[in-house]
Amino acid sequence: MTSSTSRAQRLLTLGATEVVRRDEATVRPADLDLVVDTVGGPDLGAHLRLLGPYGRYLLCGAAGGFRPAPTSRRSWRSTTAPPPG
């Protein structure tokens, strides 16, 4: 998910198979394979809830600060659990 067409094109050039413009589509929770967050902050919990099974969250900036809410911690644990069996 990105904020502009030029950024979406860049992500596709880098190998993304699909990019969602945040102003053009709604993403269902537990649907994404990868979230790259360059801001951090209060949206952390919401970003983690977007991850599908075995999804990955990459925080590469913290301009918005870093204070995970209790719901974020629960989500984080569920995305880092080892595969069953």
PDB file of N, CA and C in Angstrom:
ATOM      1  N   MET A   1       0.859  -1.158   0.000  1.00  0.00           N
ATOM      2  CA  MET A   1       0.000   0.000   0.000  1.00  0.00           C
ATOM      3  C   MET A   1       0.907   1.222   0.000  1.00  0.00           C
ATOM      4  N   THR A   2       0.607   2.124  -0.885  1.00  0.00           N
ATOM      5  CA  THR A   2       1.420   3.327  -0.985  1.00  0.00           C
ATOM      6  C   THR A   2       0.530   4.528  -1.254  1.00  0.00           C
ATOM      7  N   SER A   3       1.125   5.686  -1.246  1.00  0.00           N
ATOM      8  CA  SER A   3       0.337   6.916  -1.339  1.00  0.00           C
ATOM      9  C   SER A   3       0.329   7.549  -2.716  1.00  0.00           C
ATOM     10  N   SER A   4       1.119   7.044  -3.668  1.00  0.00           N
ATOM     11  CA  SER A   4       1.155   7.715  -4.964  1.00  0.00           C
ATOM     12  C   SER A   4       1.408   6.723  -6.092  1.00  0.00           C
ATOM     13  N   THR A   5       1.049   7.128  -7.289  1.00  0.00           N
ATOM     14  CA  THR A   5       1.262   6.298  -8.468  1.00  0.00           C
ATOM     15  C   THR A   5       2.739   6.091  -8.730  1.00  0.00           C
ATOM     16  N   SER A   6       3.552   7.124  -8.563  1.00  0.00           N
ATOM     17  CA  SER A   6       4.988   6.977  -8.818  1.00  0.00           C
ATOM     18  C   SER A   6       5.628   5.994  -7.834  1.00  0.00           C
ATOM     19  N   ARG A   7       5.190   6.012  -6.589  1.00  0.00           N
ATOM     20  CA  ARG A   7       5.721   5.059  -5.612  1.00  0.00           C
ATOM     21  C   ARG A   7       5.249   3.646  -5.934  1.00  0.00           C
ATOM     22  N   ALA A   8       4.011   3.517  -6.371  1.00  0.00           N
ATOM     23  CA  ALA A   8       3.505   2.198  -6.760  1.00  0.00           C
ATOM     24  C   ALA A   8       4.326   1.633  -7.912  1.00  0.00           C
ATOM     25  N   GLN A   9       4.630   2.462  -8.906  1.00  0.00           N
ATOM     26  CA  GLN A   9       5.451   2.019 -10.034  1.00  0.00           C
ATOM     27  C   GLN A   9       6.840   1.580  -9.567  1.00  0.00           C
ATOM     28  N   ARG A  10       7.407   2.327  -8.646  1.00  0.00           N
ATOM     29  CA  ARG A  10       8.737   1.980  -8.123  1.00  0.00           C
ATOM     30  C   ARG A  10       8.710   0.628  -7.412  1.00  0.00           C
ATOM     31  N   LEU A  11       7.673   0.378  -6.615  1.00  0.00           N
ATOM     32  CA  LEU A  11       7.548  -0.892  -5.913  1.00  0.00           C
ATOM     33  C   LEU A  11       7.402  -2.057  -6.885  1.00  0.00           C
ATOM     34  N   LEU A  12       6.647  -1.845  -7.955  1.00  0.00           N
ATOM     35  CA  LEU A  12       6.508  -2.885  -8.976  1.00  0.00           C
ATOM     36  C   LEU A  12       7.842  -3.148  -9.671  1.00  0.00           C
ATOM     37  N   THR A  13       8.591  -2.087  -9.918  1.00  0.00           N
ATOM     38  CA  THR A  13       9.917  -2.227 -10.529  1.00  0.00           C
ATOM     39  C   THR A  13      10.847  -3.029  -9.623  1.00  0.00           C
ATOM     40  N   LEU A  14      10.692  -2.866  -8.327  1.00  0.00           N
ATOM     41  CA  LEU A  14      11.539  -3.571  -7.361  1.00  0.00           C
ATOM     42  C   LEU A  14      11.113  -5.021  -7.127  1.00  0.00           C
ATOM     43  N   GLY A  15       9.979  -5.427  -7.730  1.00  0.00           N
ATOM     44  CA  GLY A  15       9.573  -6.824  -7.631  1.00  0.00           C
ATOM     45  C   GLY A  15       8.253  -7.106  -6.954  1.00  0.00           C
ATOM     46  N   ALA A  16       7.555  -6.090  -6.485  1.00  0.00           N
ATOM     47  CA  ALA A  16       6.236  -6.332  -5.889  1.00  0.00           C
ATOM     48  C   ALA A  16       5.304  -6.903  -6.956  1.00  0.00           C
ATOM     49  N   THR A  17       4.481  -7.869  -6.581  1.00  0.00           N
ATOM     50  CA  THR A  17       3.541  -8.437  -7.540  1.00  0.00           C
ATOM     51  C   THR A  17       2.235  -7.672  -7.585  1.00  0.00           C
ATOM     52  N   GLU A  18       1.948  -6.938  -6.520  1.00  0.00           N
ATOM     53  CA  GLU A  18       0.739  -6.118  -6.479  1.00  0.00           C
ATOM     54  C   GLU A  18       0.972  -4.966  -5.518  1.00  0.00           C
ATOM     55  N   VAL A  19       0.496  -3.796  -5.880  1.00  0.00           N
ATOM     56  CA  VAL A  19       0.612  -2.616  -5.024  1.00  0.00           C
ATOM     57  C   VAL A  19      -0.766  -1.969  -4.933  1.00  0.00           C
ATOM     58  N   VAL A  20      -1.144  -1.559  -3.747  1.00  0.00           N
ATOM     59  CA  VAL A  20      -2.440  -0.932  -3.522  1.00  0.00           C
ATOM     60  C   VAL A  20      -2.230   0.530  -3.179  1.00  0.00           C
ATOM     61  N   ARG A  21      -2.895   1.410  -3.913  1.00  0.00           N
ATOM     62  CA  ARG A  21      -2.890   2.830  -3.551  1.00  0.00           C
ATOM     63  C   ARG A  21      -3.889   3.014  -2.432  1.00  0.00           C
ATOM     64  N   ARG A  22      -3.460   3.623  -1.340  1.00  0.00           N
ATOM     65  CA  ARG A  22      -4.337   3.712  -0.177  1.00  0.00           C
ATOM     66  C   ARG A  22      -5.571   4.573  -0.409  1.00  0.00           C
ATOM     67  N   ASP A  23      -5.547   5.453  -1.376  1.00  0.00           N
ATOM     68  CA  ASP A  23      -6.722   6.285  -1.649  1.00  0.00           C
ATOM     69  C   ASP A  23      -7.647   5.665  -2.698  1.00  0.00           C
ATOM     70  N   GLU A  24      -7.295   4.493  -3.242  1.00  0.00           N
ATOM     71  CA  GLU A  24      -8.097   3.881  -4.297  1.00  0.00           C
ATOM     72  C   GLU A  24      -8.744   2.560  -3.909  1.00  0.00           C
ATOM     73  N   ALA A  25      -8.332   1.951  -2.823  1.00  0.00           N
ATOM     74  CA  ALA A  25      -8.845   0.624  -2.511  1.00  0.00           C
ATOM     75  C   ALA A  25      -8.934   0.408  -1.009  1.00  0.00           C
ATOM     76  N   THR A  26      -9.732  -0.564  -0.657  1.00  0.00           N
ATOM     77  CA  THR A  26      -9.851  -0.983   0.730  1.00  0.00           C
ATOM     78  C   THR A  26      -9.188  -2.343   0.857  1.00  0.00           C
ATOM     79  N   VAL A  27      -8.309  -2.469   1.818  1.00  0.00           N
ATOM     80  CA  VAL A  27      -7.621  -3.739   2.056  1.00  0.00           C
ATOM     81  C   VAL A  27      -8.305  -4.434   3.217  1.00  0.00           C
ATOM     82  N   ARG A  28      -8.638  -5.689   3.011  1.00  0.00           N
ATOM     83  CA  ARG A  28      -9.262  -6.464   4.082  1.00  0.00           C
ATOM     84  C   ARG A  28      -8.206  -6.870   5.105  1.00  0.00           C
ATOM     85  N   PRO A  29      -8.570  -6.925   6.384  1.00  0.00           N
ATOM     86  CA  PRO A  29      -7.622  -7.412   7.386  1.00  0.00           C
ATOM     87  C   PRO A  29      -7.146  -8.821   7.051  1.00  0.00           C
ATOM     88  N   ALA A  30      -5.940  -9.140   7.450  1.00  0.00           N
ATOM     89  CA  ALA A  30      -5.320 -10.457   7.260  1.00  0.00           C
ATOM     90  C   ALA A  30      -5.227 -10.827   5.788  1.00  0.00           C
ATOM     91  N   ASP A  31      -4.866  -9.869   4.938  1.00  0.00           N
ATOM     92  CA  ASP A  31      -4.847 -10.094   3.498  1.00  0.00           C
ATOM     93  C   ASP A  31      -3.466  -9.899   2.871  1.00  0.00           C
ATOM     94  N   LEU A  32      -2.546  -9.211   3.544  1.00  0.00           N
ATOM     95  CA  LEU A  32      -1.277  -8.843   2.918  1.00  0.00           C
ATOM     96  C   LEU A  32      -0.136  -9.767   3.333  1.00  0.00           C
ATOM     97  N   ASP A  33       0.818  -9.943   2.415  1.00  0.00           N
ATOM     98  CA  ASP A  33       2.014 -10.732   2.697  1.00  0.00           C
ATOM     99  C   ASP A  33       3.101  -9.893   3.360  1.00  0.00           C
ATOM    100  N   LEU A  34       3.136  -8.602   3.035  1.00  0.00           N
ATOM    101  CA  LEU A  34       4.199  -7.739   3.532  1.00  0.00           C
ATOM    102  C   LEU A  34       3.677  -6.330   3.745  1.00  0.00           C
ATOM    103  N   VAL A  35       4.012  -5.768   4.897  1.00  0.00           N
ATOM    104  CA  VAL A  35       3.752  -4.358   5.175  1.00  0.00           C
ATOM    105  C   VAL A  35       5.103  -3.718   5.442  1.00  0.00           C
ATOM    106  N   VAL A  36       5.450  -2.699   4.667  1.00  0.00           N
ATOM    107  CA  VAL A  36       6.665  -1.925   4.888  1.00  0.00           C
ATOM    108  C   VAL A  36       6.215  -0.577   5.428  1.00  0.00           C
ATOM    109  N   ASP A  37       6.537  -0.311   6.668  1.00  0.00           N
ATOM    110  CA  ASP A  37       6.075   0.893   7.358  1.00  0.00           C
ATOM    111  C   ASP A  37       7.252   1.836   7.552  1.00  0.00           C
ATOM    112  N   THR A  38       7.185   2.985   6.928  1.00  0.00           N
ATOM    113  CA  THR A  38       8.266   3.966   7.039  1.00  0.00           C
ATOM    114  C   THR A  38       7.971   5.048   8.071  1.00  0.00           C
ATOM    115  N   VAL A  39       6.827   4.932   8.749  1.00  0.00           N
ATOM    116  CA  VAL A  39       6.432   5.963   9.705  1.00  0.00           C
ATOM    117  C   VAL A  39       6.336   5.431  11.128  1.00  0.00           C
ATOM    118  N   GLY A  40       5.722   4.275  11.332  1.00  0.00           N
ATOM    119  CA  GLY A  40       5.514   3.753  12.683  1.00  0.00           C
ATOM    120  C   GLY A  40       4.437   4.548  13.383  1.00  0.00           C
ATOM    121  N   GLY A  41       4.459   4.567  14.675  1.00  0.00           N
ATOM    122  CA  GLY A  41       3.517   5.373  15.433  1.00  0.00           C
ATOM    123  C   GLY A  41       2.205   4.686  15.717  1.00  0.00           C
ATOM    124  N   PRO A  42       1.140   5.461  15.859  1.00  0.00           N
ATOM    125  CA  PRO A  42      -0.131   4.930  16.341  1.00  0.00           C
ATOM    126  C   PRO A  42      -0.820   3.960  15.388  1.00  0.00           C
ATOM    127  N   ASP A  43      -0.397   3.879  14.135  1.00  0.00           N
ATOM    128  CA  ASP A  43      -1.037   2.962  13.189  1.00  0.00           C
ATOM    129  C   ASP A  43      -0.436   1.568  13.198  1.00  0.00           C
ATOM    130  N   LEU A  44       0.522   1.298  14.068  1.00  0.00           N
ATOM    131  CA  LEU A  44       1.186   0.004  14.101  1.00  0.00           C
ATOM    132  C   LEU A  44       0.193  -1.149  14.236  1.00  0.00           C
ATOM    133  N   GLY A  45      -0.718  -1.066  15.186  1.00  0.00           N
ATOM    134  CA  GLY A  45      -1.696  -2.138  15.385  1.00  0.00           C
ATOM    135  C   GLY A  45      -2.542  -2.380  14.148  1.00  0.00           C
ATOM    136  N   ALA A  46      -2.983  -1.306  13.509  1.00  0.00           N
ATOM    137  CA  ALA A  46      -3.784  -1.438  12.291  1.00  0.00           C
ATOM    138  C   ALA A  46      -2.978  -2.094  11.175  1.00  0.00           C
ATOM    139  N   HIS A  47      -1.709  -1.736  11.072  1.00  0.00           N
ATOM    140  CA  HIS A  47      -0.862  -2.335  10.036  1.00  0.00           C
ATOM    141  C   HIS A  47      -0.660  -3.823  10.288  1.00  0.00           C
ATOM    142  N   LEU A  48      -0.455  -4.213  11.525  1.00  0.00           N
ATOM    143  CA  LEU A  48      -0.255  -5.625  11.842  1.00  0.00           C
ATOM    144  C   LEU A  48      -1.499  -6.445  11.551  1.00  0.00           C
ATOM    145  N   ARG A  49      -2.677  -5.865  11.755  1.00  0.00           N
ATOM    146  CA  ARG A  49      -3.919  -6.585  11.475  1.00  0.00           C
ATOM    147  C   ARG A  49      -4.134  -6.807   9.976  1.00  0.00           C
ATOM    148  N   LEU A  50      -3.416  -6.086   9.130  1.00  0.00           N
ATOM    149  CA  LEU A  50      -3.538  -6.280   7.682  1.00  0.00           C
ATOM    150  C   LEU A  50      -2.787  -7.517   7.184  1.00  0.00           C
ATOM    151  N   LEU A  51      -1.879  -8.041   8.003  1.00  0.00           N
ATOM    152  CA  LEU A  51      -1.048  -9.165   7.577  1.00  0.00           C
ATOM    153  C   LEU A  51      -1.835 -10.468   7.540  1.00  0.00           C
ATOM    154  N   GLY A  52      -1.613 -11.236   6.474  1.00  0.00           N
ATOM    155  CA  GLY A  52      -2.176 -12.569   6.376  1.00  0.00           C
ATOM    156  C   GLY A  52      -1.314 -13.555   7.140  1.00  0.00           C
ATOM    157  N   PRO A  53      -1.676 -14.837   7.103  1.00  0.00           N
ATOM    158  CA  PRO A  53      -0.871 -15.855   7.775  1.00  0.00           C
ATOM    159  C   PRO A  53       0.577 -15.822   7.277  1.00  0.00           C
ATOM    160  N   TYR A  54       1.502 -15.823   8.208  1.00  0.00           N
ATOM    161  CA  TYR A  54       2.942 -15.779   7.927  1.00  0.00           C
ATOM    162  C   TYR A  54       3.370 -14.491   7.220  1.00  0.00           C
ATOM    163  N   GLY A  55       2.522 -13.461   7.295  1.00  0.00           N
ATOM    164  CA  GLY A  55       2.871 -12.163   6.727  1.00  0.00           C
ATOM    165  C   GLY A  55       4.042 -11.548   7.478  1.00  0.00           C
ATOM    166  N   ARG A  56       4.682 -10.603   6.833  1.00  0.00           N
ATOM    167  CA  ARG A  56       5.860  -9.958   7.431  1.00  0.00           C
ATOM    168  C   ARG A  56       5.636  -8.459   7.554  1.00  0.00           C
ATOM    169  N   TYR A  57       6.135  -7.914   8.645  1.00  0.00           N
ATOM    170  CA  TYR A  57       6.036  -6.485   8.919  1.00  0.00           C
ATOM    171  C   TYR A  57       7.449  -5.939   9.018  1.00  0.00           C
ATOM    172  N   LEU A  58       7.735  -4.931   8.211  1.00  0.00           N
ATOM    173  CA  LEU A  58       9.052  -4.314   8.221  1.00  0.00           C
ATOM    174  C   LEU A  58       8.904  -2.856   8.632  1.00  0.00           C
ATOM    175  N   LEU A  59       9.461  -2.508   9.769  1.00  0.00           N
ATOM    176  CA  LEU A  59       9.477  -1.125  10.228  1.00  0.00           C
ATOM    177  C   LEU A  59      10.835  -0.553   9.890  1.00  0.00           C
ATOM    178  N   CYS A  60      10.867   0.420   8.993  1.00  0.00           N
ATOM    179  CA  CYS A  60      12.149   0.986   8.569  1.00  0.00           C
ATOM    180  C   CYS A  60      12.199   2.490   8.814  1.00  0.00           C
ATOM    181  N   GLY A  61      11.393   2.952   9.741  1.00  0.00           N
ATOM    182  CA  GLY A  61      11.392   4.353  10.120  1.00  0.00           C
ATOM    183  C   GLY A  61      10.451   4.526  11.290  1.00  0.00           C
ATOM    184  N   ALA A  62      10.613   5.564  12.035  1.00  0.00           N
ATOM    185  CA  ALA A  62       9.736   5.777  13.187  1.00  0.00           C
ATOM    186  C   ALA A  62       9.411   7.253  13.352  1.00  0.00           C
ATOM    187  N   ALA A  63       9.129   7.920  12.254  1.00  0.00           N
ATOM    188  CA  ALA A  63       8.803   9.338  12.307  1.00  0.00           C
ATOM    189  C   ALA A  63       7.575   9.604  13.175  1.00  0.00           C
ATOM    190  N   GLY A  64       6.660   8.629  13.231  1.00  0.00           N
ATOM    191  CA  GLY A  64       5.453   8.790  14.033  1.00  0.00           C
ATOM    192  C   GLY A  64       5.615   8.334  15.464  1.00  0.00           C
ATOM    193  N   GLY A  65       6.808   7.899  15.853  1.00  0.00           N
ATOM    194  CA  GLY A  65       7.040   7.393  17.203  1.00  0.00           C
ATOM    195  C   GLY A  65       6.790   5.898  17.260  1.00  0.00           C
ATOM    196  N   PHE A  66       6.991   5.316  18.405  1.00  0.00           N
ATOM    197  CA  PHE A  66       6.795   3.887  18.559  1.00  0.00           C
ATOM    198  C   PHE A  66       6.240   3.597  19.937  1.00  0.00           C
ATOM    199  N   ARG A  67       4.928   3.472  20.014  1.00  0.00           N
ATOM    200  CA  ARG A  67       4.251   3.112  21.257  1.00  0.00           C
ATOM    201  C   ARG A  67       3.185   2.072  20.932  1.00  0.00           C
ATOM    202  N   PRO A  68       3.552   0.802  20.814  1.00  0.00           N
ATOM    203  CA  PRO A  68       2.547  -0.197  20.459  1.00  0.00           C
ATOM    204  C   PRO A  68       1.463  -0.320  21.521  1.00  0.00           C
ATOM    205  N   ALA A  69       0.242  -0.395  21.055  1.00  0.00           N
ATOM    206  CA  ALA A  69      -0.888  -0.601  21.951  1.00  0.00           C
ATOM    207  C   ALA A  69      -0.959  -2.075  22.328  1.00  0.00           C
ATOM    208  N   PRO A  70      -1.669  -2.416  23.408  1.00  0.00           N
ATOM    209  CA  PRO A  70      -1.782  -3.827  23.790  1.00  0.00           C
ATOM    210  C   PRO A  70      -2.310  -4.710  22.655  1.00  0.00           C
ATOM    211  N   THR A  71      -3.224  -4.208  21.832  1.00  0.00           N
ATOM    212  CA  THR A  71      -3.731  -5.010  20.712  1.00  0.00           C
ATOM    213  C   THR A  71      -2.632  -5.280  19.694  1.00  0.00           C
ATOM    214  N   SER A  72      -1.691  -4.371  19.536  1.00  0.00           N
ATOM    215  CA  SER A  72      -0.576  -4.571  18.621  1.00  0.00           C
ATOM    216  C   SER A  72       0.284  -5.729  19.089  1.00  0.00           C
ATOM    217  N   ARG A  73       0.526  -5.780  20.375  1.00  0.00           N
ATOM    218  CA  ARG A  73       1.362  -6.857  20.904  1.00  0.00           C
ATOM    219  C   ARG A  73       0.722  -8.209  20.649  1.00  0.00           C
ATOM    220  N   ARG A  74      -0.592  -8.303  20.825  1.00  0.00           N
ATOM    221  CA  ARG A  74      -1.292  -9.555  20.540  1.00  0.00           C
ATOM    222  C   ARG A  74      -1.152  -9.915  19.074  1.00  0.00           C
ATOM    223  N   SER A  75      -1.347  -8.954  18.191  1.00  0.00           N
ATOM    224  CA  SER A  75      -1.239  -9.202  16.757  1.00  0.00           C
ATOM    225  C   SER A  75       0.172  -9.623  16.403  1.00  0.00           C
ATOM    226  N   TRP A  76       1.164  -8.964  16.997  1.00  0.00           N
ATOM    227  CA  TRP A  76       2.559  -9.282  16.684  1.00  0.00           C
ATOM    228  C   TRP A  76       2.851 -10.730  17.030  1.00  0.00           C
ATOM    229  N   ARG A  77       2.424 -11.168  18.201  1.00  0.00           N
ATOM    230  CA  ARG A  77       2.659 -12.550  18.598  1.00  0.00           C
ATOM    231  C   ARG A  77       2.018 -13.513  17.607  1.00  0.00           C
ATOM    232  N   SER A  78       0.807 -13.212  17.149  1.00  0.00           N
ATOM    233  CA  SER A  78       0.111 -14.150  16.269  1.00  0.00           C
ATOM    234  C   SER A  78       0.788 -14.236  14.899  1.00  0.00           C
ATOM    235  N   THR A  79       1.478 -13.192  14.468  1.00  0.00           N
ATOM    236  CA  THR A  79       2.128 -13.251  13.156  1.00  0.00           C
ATOM    237  C   THR A  79       3.511 -13.866  13.227  1.00  0.00           C
ATOM    238  N   THR A  80       4.054 -14.035  14.431  1.00  0.00           N
ATOM    239  CA  THR A  80       5.398 -14.594  14.539  1.00  0.00           C
ATOM    240  C   THR A  80       5.379 -16.030  15.046  1.00  0.00           C
ATOM    241  N   ALA A  81       4.202 -16.605  15.214  1.00  0.00           N
ATOM    242  CA  ALA A  81       4.108 -17.986  15.695  1.00  0.00           C
ATOM    243  C   ALA A  81       4.649 -18.942  14.631  1.00  0.00           C
ATOM    244  N   PRO A  82       5.330 -19.998  15.064  1.00  0.00           N
ATOM    245  CA  PRO A  82       5.847 -20.964  14.077  1.00  0.00           C
ATOM    246  C   PRO A  82       4.703 -21.719  13.423  1.00  0.00           C
ATOM    247  N   PRO A  83       4.930 -22.250  12.222  1.00  0.00           N
ATOM    248  CA  PRO A  83       3.878 -23.016  11.554  1.00  0.00           C
ATOM    249  C   PRO A  83       3.499 -24.253  12.374  1.00  0.00           C
ATOM    250  N   PRO A  84       2.225 -24.661  12.330  1.00  0.00           N
ATOM    251  CA  PRO A  84       1.797 -25.842  13.084  1.00  0.00           C
ATOM    252  C   PRO A  84       2.466 -27.106  12.549  1.00  0.00           C
ATOM    253  N   GLY A  85       2.679 -28.060  13.459  1.00  0.00           N
ATOM    254  CA  GLY A  85       3.159 -29.384  13.066  1.00  0.00           C
ATOM    255  C   GLY A  85       4.600 -29.453  12.928  1.00  0.00           C
TER     256      GLY A  85
END
